[in-house]
mmCIF file of all heavy atoms, coordinates in Angstrom:
data_MODEL
# 
_entry.id   MODEL 
# 
loop_
_atom_site.group_PDB 
_atom_site.id 
_atom_site.type_symbol 
_atom_site.label_atom_id 
_atom_site.label_alt_id 
_atom_site.label_comp_id 
_atom_site.label_asym_id 
_atom_site.label_entity_id 
_atom_site.label_seq_id 
_atom_site.pdbx_PDB_ins_code 
_atom_site.Cartn_x 
_atom_site.Cartn_y 
_atom_site.Cartn_z 
_atom_site.occupancy 
_atom_site.B_iso_or_equiv 
_atom_site.pdbx_formal_charge 
_atom_site.auth_seq_id 
_atom_site.auth_comp_id 
_atom_site.auth_asym_id 
_atom_site.auth_atom_id 
_atom_site.pdbx_PDB_model_num 
ATOM 1   N N   . MET A 1 1  ? 0.823  -1.173 0.065  1.00 0.00 ? 1  MET A N   1 
ATOM 2   C CA  . MET A 1 1  ? -0.026 -0.003 -0.027 1.00 0.00 ? 1  MET A CA  1 
ATOM 3   C C   . MET A 1 1  ? 0.916  1.189  0.028  1.00 0.00 ? 1  MET A C   1 
ATOM 4   O O   . MET A 1 1  ? 2.037  1.232  0.342  1.00 0.00 ? 1  MET A O   1 
ATOM 5   C CB  . MET A 1 1  ? -0.934 -0.019 1.196  1.00 0.00 ? 1  MET A CB  1 
ATOM 6   C CG  . MET A 1 1  ? -1.868 1.131  1.375  1.00 0.00 ? 1  MET A CG  1 
ATOM 7   S SD  . MET A 1 1  ? -3.147 0.793  2.515  1.00 0.00 ? 1  MET A SD  1 
ATOM 8   C CE  . MET A 1 1  ? -4.632 0.921  1.375  1.00 0.00 ? 1  MET A CE  1 
ATOM 9   N N   . VAL A 1 2  ? 0.320  2.283  -0.450 1.00 0.00 ? 2  VAL A N   1 
ATOM 10  C CA  . VAL A 1 2  ? 0.979  3.559  -0.620 1.00 0.00 ? 2  VAL A CA  1 
ATOM 11  C C   . VAL A 1 2  ? 1.695  4.027  0.691  1.00 0.00 ? 2  VAL A C   1 
ATOM 12  O O   . VAL A 1 2  ? 2.805  4.539  0.681  1.00 0.00 ? 2  VAL A O   1 
ATOM 13  C CB  . VAL A 1 2  ? 0.128  4.776  -1.175 1.00 0.00 ? 2  VAL A CB  1 
ATOM 14  C CG1 . VAL A 1 2  ? 0.819  6.016  -1.225 1.00 0.00 ? 2  VAL A CG1 1 
ATOM 15  C CG2 . VAL A 1 2  ? -0.356 4.288  -2.551 1.00 0.00 ? 2  VAL A CG2 1 
ATOM 16  N N   . LYS A 1 3  ? 0.930  3.845  1.800  1.00 0.00 ? 3  LYS A N   1 
ATOM 17  C CA  . LYS A 1 3  ? 1.561  4.434  3.012  1.00 0.00 ? 3  LYS A CA  1 
ATOM 18  C C   . LYS A 1 3  ? 2.902  3.710  3.474  1.00 0.00 ? 3  LYS A C   1 
ATOM 19  O O   . LYS A 1 3  ? 3.678  4.266  4.130  1.00 0.00 ? 3  LYS A O   1 
ATOM 20  C CB  . LYS A 1 3  ? 0.580  4.109  4.131  1.00 0.00 ? 3  LYS A CB  1 
ATOM 21  C CG  . LYS A 1 3  ? 0.223  2.674  4.509  1.00 0.00 ? 3  LYS A CG  1 
ATOM 22  C CD  . LYS A 1 3  ? -0.719 2.632  5.606  1.00 0.00 ? 3  LYS A CD  1 
ATOM 23  C CE  . LYS A 1 3  ? -1.119 1.202  5.885  1.00 0.00 ? 3  LYS A CE  1 
ATOM 24  N NZ  . LYS A 1 3  ? -2.146 1.132  6.851  1.00 0.00 ? 3  LYS A NZ  1 
ATOM 25  N N   . HIS A 1 4  ? 3.233  2.562  2.830  1.00 0.00 ? 4  HIS A N   1 
ATOM 26  C CA  . HIS A 1 4  ? 4.550  1.905  3.062  1.00 0.00 ? 4  HIS A CA  1 
ATOM 27  C C   . HIS A 1 4  ? 5.631  2.579  2.528  1.00 0.00 ? 4  HIS A C   1 
ATOM 28  O O   . HIS A 1 4  ? 6.747  2.404  2.917  1.00 0.00 ? 4  HIS A O   1 
ATOM 29  C CB  . HIS A 1 4  ? 4.470  0.456  2.694  1.00 0.00 ? 4  HIS A CB  1 
ATOM 30  C CG  . HIS A 1 4  ? 3.427  -0.279 3.473  1.00 0.00 ? 4  HIS A CG  1 
ATOM 31  N ND1 . HIS A 1 4  ? 3.535  -0.596 4.829  1.00 0.00 ? 4  HIS A ND1 1 
ATOM 32  C CD2 . HIS A 1 4  ? 2.366  -0.966 3.123  1.00 0.00 ? 4  HIS A CD2 1 
ATOM 33  C CE1 . HIS A 1 4  ? 2.554  -1.281 5.273  1.00 0.00 ? 4  HIS A CE1 1 
ATOM 34  N NE2 . HIS A 1 4  ? 1.725  -1.493 4.205  1.00 0.00 ? 4  HIS A NE2 1 
ATOM 35  N N   . ILE A 1 5  ? 5.562  3.512  1.572  1.00 0.00 ? 5  ILE A N   1 
ATOM 36  C CA  . ILE A 1 5  ? 6.674  4.211  0.911  1.00 0.00 ? 5  ILE A CA  1 
ATOM 37  C C   . ILE A 1 5  ? 7.279  5.102  1.940  1.00 0.00 ? 5  ILE A C   1 
ATOM 38  O O   . ILE A 1 5  ? 8.470  5.420  1.836  1.00 0.00 ? 5  ILE A O   1 
ATOM 39  C CB  . ILE A 1 5  ? 6.333  5.020  -0.470 1.00 0.00 ? 5  ILE A CB  1 
ATOM 40  C CG1 . ILE A 1 5  ? 5.358  6.027  -0.117 1.00 0.00 ? 5  ILE A CG1 1 
ATOM 41  C CG2 . ILE A 1 5  ? 5.700  3.955  -1.375 1.00 0.00 ? 5  ILE A CG2 1 
ATOM 42  C CD1 . ILE A 1 5  ? 5.436  7.178  -1.170 1.00 0.00 ? 5  ILE A CD1 1 
ATOM 43  N N   . LEU A 1 6  ? 6.608  5.491  2.931  1.00 0.00 ? 6  LEU A N   1 
ATOM 44  C CA  . LEU A 1 6  ? 7.084  6.442  3.858  1.00 0.00 ? 6  LEU A CA  1 
ATOM 45  C C   . LEU A 1 6  ? 7.291  5.772  5.213  1.00 0.00 ? 6  LEU A C   1 
ATOM 46  O O   . LEU A 1 6  ? 7.130  6.364  6.343  1.00 0.00 ? 6  LEU A O   1 
ATOM 47  C CB  . LEU A 1 6  ? 6.114  7.656  4.010  1.00 0.00 ? 6  LEU A CB  1 
ATOM 48  C CG  . LEU A 1 6  ? 6.166  8.526  2.790  1.00 0.00 ? 6  LEU A CG  1 
ATOM 49  C CD1 . LEU A 1 6  ? 5.036  9.519  2.890  1.00 0.00 ? 6  LEU A CD1 1 
ATOM 50  C CD2 . LEU A 1 6  ? 7.428  9.125  2.403  1.00 0.00 ? 6  LEU A CD2 1 
ATOM 51  N N   . ALA A 1 7  ? 7.498  4.408  5.029  1.00 0.00 ? 7  ALA A N   1 
ATOM 52  C CA  . ALA A 1 7  ? 7.545  3.750  6.402  1.00 0.00 ? 7  ALA A CA  1 
ATOM 53  C C   . ALA A 1 7  ? 8.685  4.051  7.312  1.00 0.00 ? 7  ALA A C   1 
ATOM 54  O O   . ALA A 1 7  ? 8.620  3.909  8.507  1.00 0.00 ? 7  ALA A O   1 
ATOM 55  C CB  . ALA A 1 7  ? 7.720  2.084  6.003  1.00 0.00 ? 7  ALA A CB  1 
ATOM 56  N N   . SER A 1 8  ? 9.803  4.717  6.722  1.00 0.00 ? 8  SER A N   1 
ATOM 57  C CA  . SER A 1 8  ? 10.845 5.161  7.519  1.00 0.00 ? 8  SER A CA  1 
ATOM 58  C C   . SER A 1 8  ? 10.420 6.146  8.550  1.00 0.00 ? 8  SER A C   1 
ATOM 59  O O   . SER A 1 8  ? 11.059 6.371  9.557  1.00 0.00 ? 8  SER A O   1 
ATOM 60  C CB  . SER A 1 8  ? 12.033 5.611  6.728  1.00 0.00 ? 8  SER A CB  1 
ATOM 61  O OG  . SER A 1 8  ? 11.612 6.821  6.027  1.00 0.00 ? 8  SER A OG  1 
ATOM 62  N N   . CYS A 1 9  ? 9.248  6.803  8.308  1.00 0.00 ? 9  CYS A N   1 
ATOM 63  C CA  . CYS A 1 9  ? 8.739  7.842  9.232  1.00 0.00 ? 9  CYS A CA  1 
ATOM 64  C C   . CYS A 1 9  ? 7.732  7.205  10.121 1.00 0.00 ? 9  CYS A C   1 
ATOM 65  O O   . CYS A 1 9  ? 7.146  8.003  10.915 1.00 0.00 ? 9  CYS A O   1 
ATOM 66  C CB  . CYS A 1 9  ? 7.990  8.954  8.420  1.00 0.00 ? 9  CYS A CB  1 
ATOM 67  S SG  . CYS A 1 9  ? 9.089  9.797  7.249  1.00 0.00 ? 9  CYS A SG  1 
ATOM 68  N N   . SER A 1 10 ? 7.511  5.901  10.041 1.00 0.00 ? 10 SER A N   1 
ATOM 69  C CA  . SER A 1 10 ? 6.365  5.382  10.820 1.00 0.00 ? 10 SER A CA  1 
ATOM 70  C C   . SER A 1 10 ? 6.928  4.407  11.903 1.00 0.00 ? 10 SER A C   1 
ATOM 71  O O   . SER A 1 10 ? 7.849  3.760  11.624 1.00 0.00 ? 10 SER A O   1 
ATOM 72  C CB  . SER A 1 10 ? 5.448  4.593  9.973  1.00 0.00 ? 10 SER A CB  1 
ATOM 73  O OG  . SER A 1 10 ? 4.832  5.522  9.034  1.00 0.00 ? 10 SER A OG  1 
ATOM 74  N N   . LEU A 1 11 ? 6.272  4.423  12.946 1.00 0.00 ? 11 LEU A N   1 
ATOM 75  C CA  . LEU A 1 11 ? 6.445  3.222  13.942 1.00 0.00 ? 11 LEU A CA  1 
ATOM 76  C C   . LEU A 1 11 ? 5.257  2.212  13.904 1.00 0.00 ? 11 LEU A C   1 
ATOM 77  O O   . LEU A 1 11 ? 4.097  2.718  13.601 1.00 0.00 ? 11 LEU A O   1 
ATOM 78  C CB  . LEU A 1 11 ? 6.445  3.862  15.280 1.00 0.00 ? 11 LEU A CB  1 
ATOM 79  C CG  . LEU A 1 11 ? 7.611  4.824  15.744 1.00 0.00 ? 11 LEU A CG  1 
ATOM 80  C CD1 . LEU A 1 11 ? 7.355  5.403  17.010 1.00 0.00 ? 11 LEU A CD1 1 
ATOM 81  C CD2 . LEU A 1 11 ? 8.860  3.988  15.686 1.00 0.00 ? 11 LEU A CD2 1 
ATOM 82  N N   . MET A 1 12 ? 5.505  1.002  14.064 1.00 0.00 ? 12 MET A N   1 
ATOM 83  C CA  . MET A 1 12 ? 4.492  0.028  13.877 1.00 0.00 ? 12 MET A CA  1 
ATOM 84  C C   . MET A 1 12 ? 4.132  -0.355 15.226 1.00 0.00 ? 12 MET A C   1 
ATOM 85  O O   . MET A 1 12 ? 4.944  -0.710 16.124 1.00 0.00 ? 12 MET A O   1 
ATOM 86  C CB  . MET A 1 12 ? 5.012  -1.222 13.196 1.00 0.00 ? 12 MET A CB  1 
ATOM 87  C CG  . MET A 1 12 ? 4.034  -2.304 12.904 1.00 0.00 ? 12 MET A CG  1 
ATOM 88  S SD  . MET A 1 12 ? 2.571  -1.420 11.929 1.00 0.00 ? 12 MET A SD  1 
ATOM 89  C CE  . MET A 1 12 ? 3.066  -1.921 10.405 1.00 0.00 ? 12 MET A CE  1 
ATOM 90  N N   . LEU A 1 13 ? 2.896  -0.191 15.678 1.00 0.00 ? 13 LEU A N   1 
ATOM 91  C CA  . LEU A 1 13 ? 2.337  -0.674 16.965 1.00 0.00 ? 13 LEU A CA  1 
ATOM 92  C C   . LEU A 1 13 ? 2.198  -2.102 16.860 1.00 0.00 ? 13 LEU A C   1 
ATOM 93  O O   . LEU A 1 13 ? 1.572  -2.681 16.014 1.00 0.00 ? 13 LEU A O   1 
ATOM 94  C CB  . LEU A 1 13 ? 0.923  0.065  17.299 1.00 0.00 ? 13 LEU A CB  1 
ATOM 95  C CG  . LEU A 1 13 ? 1.048  1.567  17.594 1.00 0.00 ? 13 LEU A CG  1 
ATOM 96  C CD1 . LEU A 1 13 ? -0.323 2.160  17.782 1.00 0.00 ? 13 LEU A CD1 1 
ATOM 97  C CD2 . LEU A 1 13 ? 1.917  1.699  18.753 1.00 0.00 ? 13 LEU A CD2 1 
ATOM 98  N N   . LEU A 1 14 ? 2.607  -2.746 18.007 1.00 0.00 ? 14 LEU A N   1 
ATOM 99  C CA  . LEU A 1 14 ? 2.419  -4.166 18.202 1.00 0.00 ? 14 LEU A CA  1 
ATOM 100 C C   . LEU A 1 14 ? 1.181  -4.540 18.832 1.00 0.00 ? 14 LEU A C   1 
ATOM 101 O O   . LEU A 1 14 ? 0.936  -5.587 19.318 1.00 0.00 ? 14 LEU A O   1 
ATOM 102 C CB  . LEU A 1 14 ? 3.559  -4.640 18.921 1.00 0.00 ? 14 LEU A CB  1 
ATOM 103 C CG  . LEU A 1 14 ? 4.948  -4.556 18.316 1.00 0.00 ? 14 LEU A CG  1 
ATOM 104 C CD1 . LEU A 1 14 ? 6.064  -5.058 19.195 1.00 0.00 ? 14 LEU A CD1 1 
ATOM 105 C CD2 . LEU A 1 14 ? 5.085  -5.139 16.984 1.00 0.00 ? 14 LEU A CD2 1 
ATOM 106 N N   . LEU A 1 15 ? 0.210  -3.483 18.946 1.00 0.00 ? 15 LEU A N   1 
ATOM 107 C CA  . LEU A 1 15 ? -1.098 -3.713 19.657 1.00 0.00 ? 15 LEU A CA  1 
ATOM 108 C C   . LEU A 1 15 ? -2.102 -4.139 18.621 1.00 0.00 ? 15 LEU A C   1 
ATOM 109 O O   . LEU A 1 15 ? -3.251 -4.479 19.032 1.00 0.00 ? 15 LEU A O   1 
ATOM 110 C CB  . LEU A 1 15 ? -1.564 -2.401 20.244 1.00 0.00 ? 15 LEU A CB  1 
ATOM 111 C CG  . LEU A 1 15 ? -0.711 -1.833 21.227 1.00 0.00 ? 15 LEU A CG  1 
ATOM 112 C CD1 . LEU A 1 15 ? -1.151 -0.417 21.745 1.00 0.00 ? 15 LEU A CD1 1 
ATOM 113 C CD2 . LEU A 1 15 ? -0.578 -2.682 22.500 1.00 0.00 ? 15 LEU A CD2 1 
ATOM 114 N N   . GLY A 1 16 ? -1.775 -4.305 17.345 1.00 0.00 ? 16 GLY A N   1 
ATOM 115 C CA  . GLY A 1 16 ? -2.816 -4.689 16.430 1.00 0.00 ? 16 GLY A CA  1 
ATOM 116 C C   . GLY A 1 16 ? -3.768 -3.539 16.084 1.00 0.00 ? 16 GLY A C   1 
ATOM 117 O O   . GLY A 1 16 ? -4.823 -3.704 15.566 1.00 0.00 ? 16 GLY A O   1 
ATOM 118 N N   . VAL A 1 17 ? -3.400 -2.259 16.335 1.00 0.00 ? 17 VAL A N   1 
ATOM 119 C CA  . VAL A 1 17 ? -4.258 -1.118 16.082 1.00 0.00 ? 17 VAL A CA  1 
ATOM 120 C C   . VAL A 1 17 ? -3.722 -0.276 14.931 1.00 0.00 ? 17 VAL A C   1 
ATOM 121 O O   . VAL A 1 17 ? -4.391 0.618  14.513 1.00 0.00 ? 17 VAL A O   1 
ATOM 122 C CB  . VAL A 1 17 ? -4.368 -0.271 17.324 1.00 0.00 ? 17 VAL A CB  1 
ATOM 123 C CG1 . VAL A 1 17 ? -5.153 -1.075 18.335 1.00 0.00 ? 17 VAL A CG1 1 
ATOM 124 C CG2 . VAL A 1 17 ? -3.197 0.356  17.735 1.00 0.00 ? 17 VAL A CG2 1 
ATOM 125 N N   . GLY A 1 18 ? -2.628 -0.616 14.450 1.00 0.00 ? 18 GLY A N   1 
ATOM 126 C CA  . GLY A 1 18 ? -2.109 0.114  13.261 1.00 0.00 ? 18 GLY A CA  1 
ATOM 127 C C   . GLY A 1 18 ? -0.738 0.699  13.420 1.00 0.00 ? 18 GLY A C   1 
ATOM 128 O O   . GLY A 1 18 ? -0.043 0.267  14.290 1.00 0.00 ? 18 GLY A O   1 
ATOM 129 N N   . SER A 1 19 ? -0.373 1.631  12.445 1.00 0.00 ? 19 SER A N   1 
ATOM 130 C CA  . SER A 1 19 ? 0.976  2.210  12.539 1.00 0.00 ? 19 SER A CA  1 
ATOM 131 C C   . SER A 1 19 ? 0.748  3.743  12.886 1.00 0.00 ? 19 SER A C   1 
ATOM 132 O O   . SER A 1 19 ? -0.367 4.195  12.781 1.00 0.00 ? 19 SER A O   1 
ATOM 133 C CB  . SER A 1 19 ? 1.634  2.068  11.191 1.00 0.00 ? 19 SER A CB  1 
ATOM 134 O OG  . SER A 1 19 ? 0.905  2.819  10.213 1.00 0.00 ? 19 SER A OG  1 
ATOM 135 N N   . LEU A 1 20 ? 1.750  4.267  13.435 1.00 0.00 ? 20 LEU A N   1 
ATOM 136 C CA  . LEU A 1 20 ? 1.662  5.619  13.993 1.00 0.00 ? 20 LEU A CA  1 
ATOM 137 C C   . LEU A 1 20 ? 2.976  6.388  13.518 1.00 0.00 ? 20 LEU A C   1 
ATOM 138 O O   . LEU A 1 20 ? 4.091  6.156  14.096 1.00 0.00 ? 20 LEU A O   1 
ATOM 139 C CB  . LEU A 1 20 ? 1.524  5.575  15.418 1.00 0.00 ? 20 LEU A CB  1 
ATOM 140 C CG  . LEU A 1 20 ? 1.383  6.918  16.082 1.00 0.00 ? 20 LEU A CG  1 
ATOM 141 C CD1 . LEU A 1 20 ? 0.068  7.535  15.510 1.00 0.00 ? 20 LEU A CD1 1 
ATOM 142 C CD2 . LEU A 1 20 ? 1.321  6.766  17.546 1.00 0.00 ? 20 LEU A CD2 1 
ATOM 143 N N   . PRO A 1 21 ? 2.789  7.287  12.656 1.00 0.00 ? 21 PRO A N   1 
ATOM 144 C CA  . PRO A 1 21 ? 3.987  8.101  12.260 1.00 0.00 ? 21 PRO A CA  1 
ATOM 145 C C   . PRO A 1 21 ? 4.256  9.283  13.131 1.00 0.00 ? 21 PRO A C   1 
ATOM 146 O O   . PRO A 1 21 ? 3.704  10.320 12.943 1.00 0.00 ? 21 PRO A O   1 
ATOM 147 C CB  . PRO A 1 21 ? 3.719  8.530  10.825 1.00 0.00 ? 21 PRO A CB  1 
ATOM 148 C CG  . PRO A 1 21 ? 2.273  8.660  10.813 1.00 0.00 ? 21 PRO A CG  1 
ATOM 149 C CD  . PRO A 1 21 ? 1.680  7.678  11.709 1.00 0.00 ? 21 PRO A CD  1 
ATOM 150 N N   . VAL A 1 22 ? 5.062  9.088  14.157 1.00 0.00 ? 22 VAL A N   1 
ATOM 151 C CA  . VAL A 1 22 ? 5.396  10.215 15.018 1.00 0.00 ? 22 VAL A CA  1 
ATOM 152 C C   . VAL A 1 22 ? 6.870  10.228 15.068 1.00 0.00 ? 22 VAL A C   1 
ATOM 153 O O   . VAL A 1 22 ? 7.545  9.113  15.417 1.00 0.00 ? 22 VAL A O   1 
ATOM 154 C CB  . VAL A 1 22 ? 4.776  10.035 16.358 1.00 0.00 ? 22 VAL A CB  1 
ATOM 155 C CG1 . VAL A 1 22 ? 5.175  11.214 17.352 1.00 0.00 ? 22 VAL A CG1 1 
ATOM 156 C CG2 . VAL A 1 22 ? 3.312  10.019 16.288 1.00 0.00 ? 22 VAL A CG2 1 
ATOM 157 N N   . GLN A 1 23 ? 7.568  11.392 14.781 1.00 0.00 ? 23 GLN A N   1 
ATOM 158 C CA  . GLN A 1 23 ? 8.960  11.418 14.901 1.00 0.00 ? 23 GLN A CA  1 
ATOM 159 C C   . GLN A 1 23 ? 9.432  12.215 16.036 1.00 0.00 ? 23 GLN A C   1 
ATOM 160 O O   . GLN A 1 23 ? 8.790  13.355 16.378 1.00 0.00 ? 23 GLN A O   1 
ATOM 161 C CB  . GLN A 1 23 ? 9.484  12.117 13.609 1.00 0.00 ? 23 GLN A CB  1 
ATOM 162 C CG  . GLN A 1 23 ? 9.198  11.173 12.266 1.00 0.00 ? 23 GLN A CG  1 
ATOM 163 C CD  . GLN A 1 23 ? 9.807  11.852 11.130 1.00 0.00 ? 23 GLN A CD  1 
ATOM 164 O OE1 . GLN A 1 23 ? 9.584  13.062 10.947 1.00 0.00 ? 23 GLN A OE1 1 
ATOM 165 N NE2 . GLN A 1 23 ? 10.413 11.104 10.288 1.00 0.00 ? 23 GLN A NE2 1 
ATOM 166 N N   . ALA A 1 24 ? 10.431 11.882 16.713 1.00 0.00 ? 24 ALA A N   1 
ATOM 167 C CA  . ALA A 1 24 ? 10.987 12.771 17.708 1.00 0.00 ? 24 ALA A CA  1 
ATOM 168 C C   . ALA A 1 24 ? 11.672 13.899 17.138 1.00 0.00 ? 24 ALA A C   1 
ATOM 169 O O   . ALA A 1 24 ? 12.111 13.845 16.032 1.00 0.00 ? 24 ALA A O   1 
ATOM 170 C CB  . ALA A 1 24 ? 11.991 11.965 18.624 1.00 0.00 ? 24 ALA A CB  1 
ATOM 171 N N   . GLN A 1 25 ? 11.626 15.032 17.869 1.00 0.00 ? 25 GLN A N   1 
ATOM 172 C CA  . GLN A 1 25 ? 12.276 16.290 17.300 1.00 0.00 ? 25 GLN A CA  1 
ATOM 173 C C   . GLN A 1 25 ? 13.810 16.158 17.259 1.00 0.00 ? 25 GLN A C   1 
ATOM 174 O O   . GLN A 1 25 ? 14.384 16.800 16.402 1.00 0.00 ? 25 GLN A O   1 
ATOM 175 C CB  . GLN A 1 25 ? 11.846 17.481 18.033 1.00 0.00 ? 25 GLN A CB  1 
ATOM 176 C CG  . GLN A 1 25 ? 10.246 17.709 18.034 1.00 0.00 ? 25 GLN A CG  1 
ATOM 177 C CD  . GLN A 1 25 ? 9.926  18.000 16.639 1.00 0.00 ? 25 GLN A CD  1 
ATOM 178 O OE1 . GLN A 1 25 ? 10.527 18.770 15.910 1.00 0.00 ? 25 GLN A OE1 1 
ATOM 179 N NE2 . GLN A 1 25 ? 8.836  17.458 16.147 1.00 0.00 ? 25 GLN A NE2 1 
ATOM 180 N N   . SER A 1 26 ? 14.389 15.435 18.110 1.00 0.00 ? 26 SER A N   1 
ATOM 181 C CA  . SER A 1 26 ? 15.803 15.380 18.165 1.00 0.00 ? 26 SER A CA  1 
ATOM 182 C C   . SER A 1 26 ? 16.276 14.459 16.998 1.00 0.00 ? 26 SER A C   1 
ATOM 183 O O   . SER A 1 26 ? 15.594 13.512 16.618 1.00 0.00 ? 26 SER A O   1 
ATOM 184 C CB  . SER A 1 26 ? 16.265 14.802 19.381 1.00 0.00 ? 26 SER A CB  1 
ATOM 185 O OG  . SER A 1 26 ? 15.838 13.471 19.597 1.00 0.00 ? 26 SER A OG  1 
ATOM 186 N N   . PRO A 1 27 ? 17.532 14.777 16.404 1.00 0.00 ? 27 PRO A N   1 
ATOM 187 C CA  . PRO A 1 27 ? 17.918 13.998 15.273 1.00 0.00 ? 27 PRO A CA  1 
ATOM 188 C C   . PRO A 1 27 ? 18.334 12.552 15.694 1.00 0.00 ? 27 PRO A C   1 
ATOM 189 O O   . PRO A 1 27 ? 18.348 11.755 14.753 1.00 0.00 ? 27 PRO A O   1 
ATOM 190 C CB  . PRO A 1 27 ? 19.140 14.822 14.876 1.00 0.00 ? 27 PRO A CB  1 
ATOM 191 C CG  . PRO A 1 27 ? 19.472 15.691 15.886 1.00 0.00 ? 27 PRO A CG  1 
ATOM 192 C CD  . PRO A 1 27 ? 18.372 15.969 16.788 1.00 0.00 ? 27 PRO A CD  1 
ATOM 193 N N   . SER A 1 28 ? 18.609 12.386 16.913 1.00 0.00 ? 28 SER A N   1 
ATOM 194 C CA  . SER A 1 28 ? 19.068 10.983 17.382 1.00 0.00 ? 28 SER A CA  1 
ATOM 195 C C   . SER A 1 28 ? 18.319 10.527 18.491 1.00 0.00 ? 28 SER A C   1 
ATOM 196 O O   . SER A 1 28 ? 18.463 11.019 19.561 1.00 0.00 ? 28 SER A O   1 
ATOM 197 C CB  . SER A 1 28 ? 20.584 11.059 17.641 1.00 0.00 ? 28 SER A CB  1 
ATOM 198 O OG  . SER A 1 28 ? 20.877 9.718  18.188 1.00 0.00 ? 28 SER A OG  1 
ATOM 199 N N   . PRO A 1 29 ? 17.437 9.517  18.371 1.00 0.00 ? 29 PRO A N   1 
ATOM 200 C CA  . PRO A 1 29 ? 16.653 9.020  19.514 1.00 0.00 ? 29 PRO A CA  1 
ATOM 201 C C   . PRO A 1 29 ? 17.450 8.105  20.459 1.00 0.00 ? 29 PRO A C   1 
ATOM 202 O O   . PRO A 1 29 ? 17.006 7.710  21.441 1.00 0.00 ? 29 PRO A O   1 
ATOM 203 C CB  . PRO A 1 29 ? 15.537 8.163  18.851 1.00 0.00 ? 29 PRO A CB  1 
ATOM 204 C CG  . PRO A 1 29 ? 16.153 7.744  17.643 1.00 0.00 ? 29 PRO A CG  1 
ATOM 205 C CD  . PRO A 1 29 ? 17.154 8.782  17.181 1.00 0.00 ? 29 PRO A CD  1 
# 
């Protein structure tokens, strides 16, 4: 699916509820 092209911006929830693209503001987590 199209949303996977930006997967590097996404976190995958292991809860079975979907993916969530939230990036930390700092360059290195």
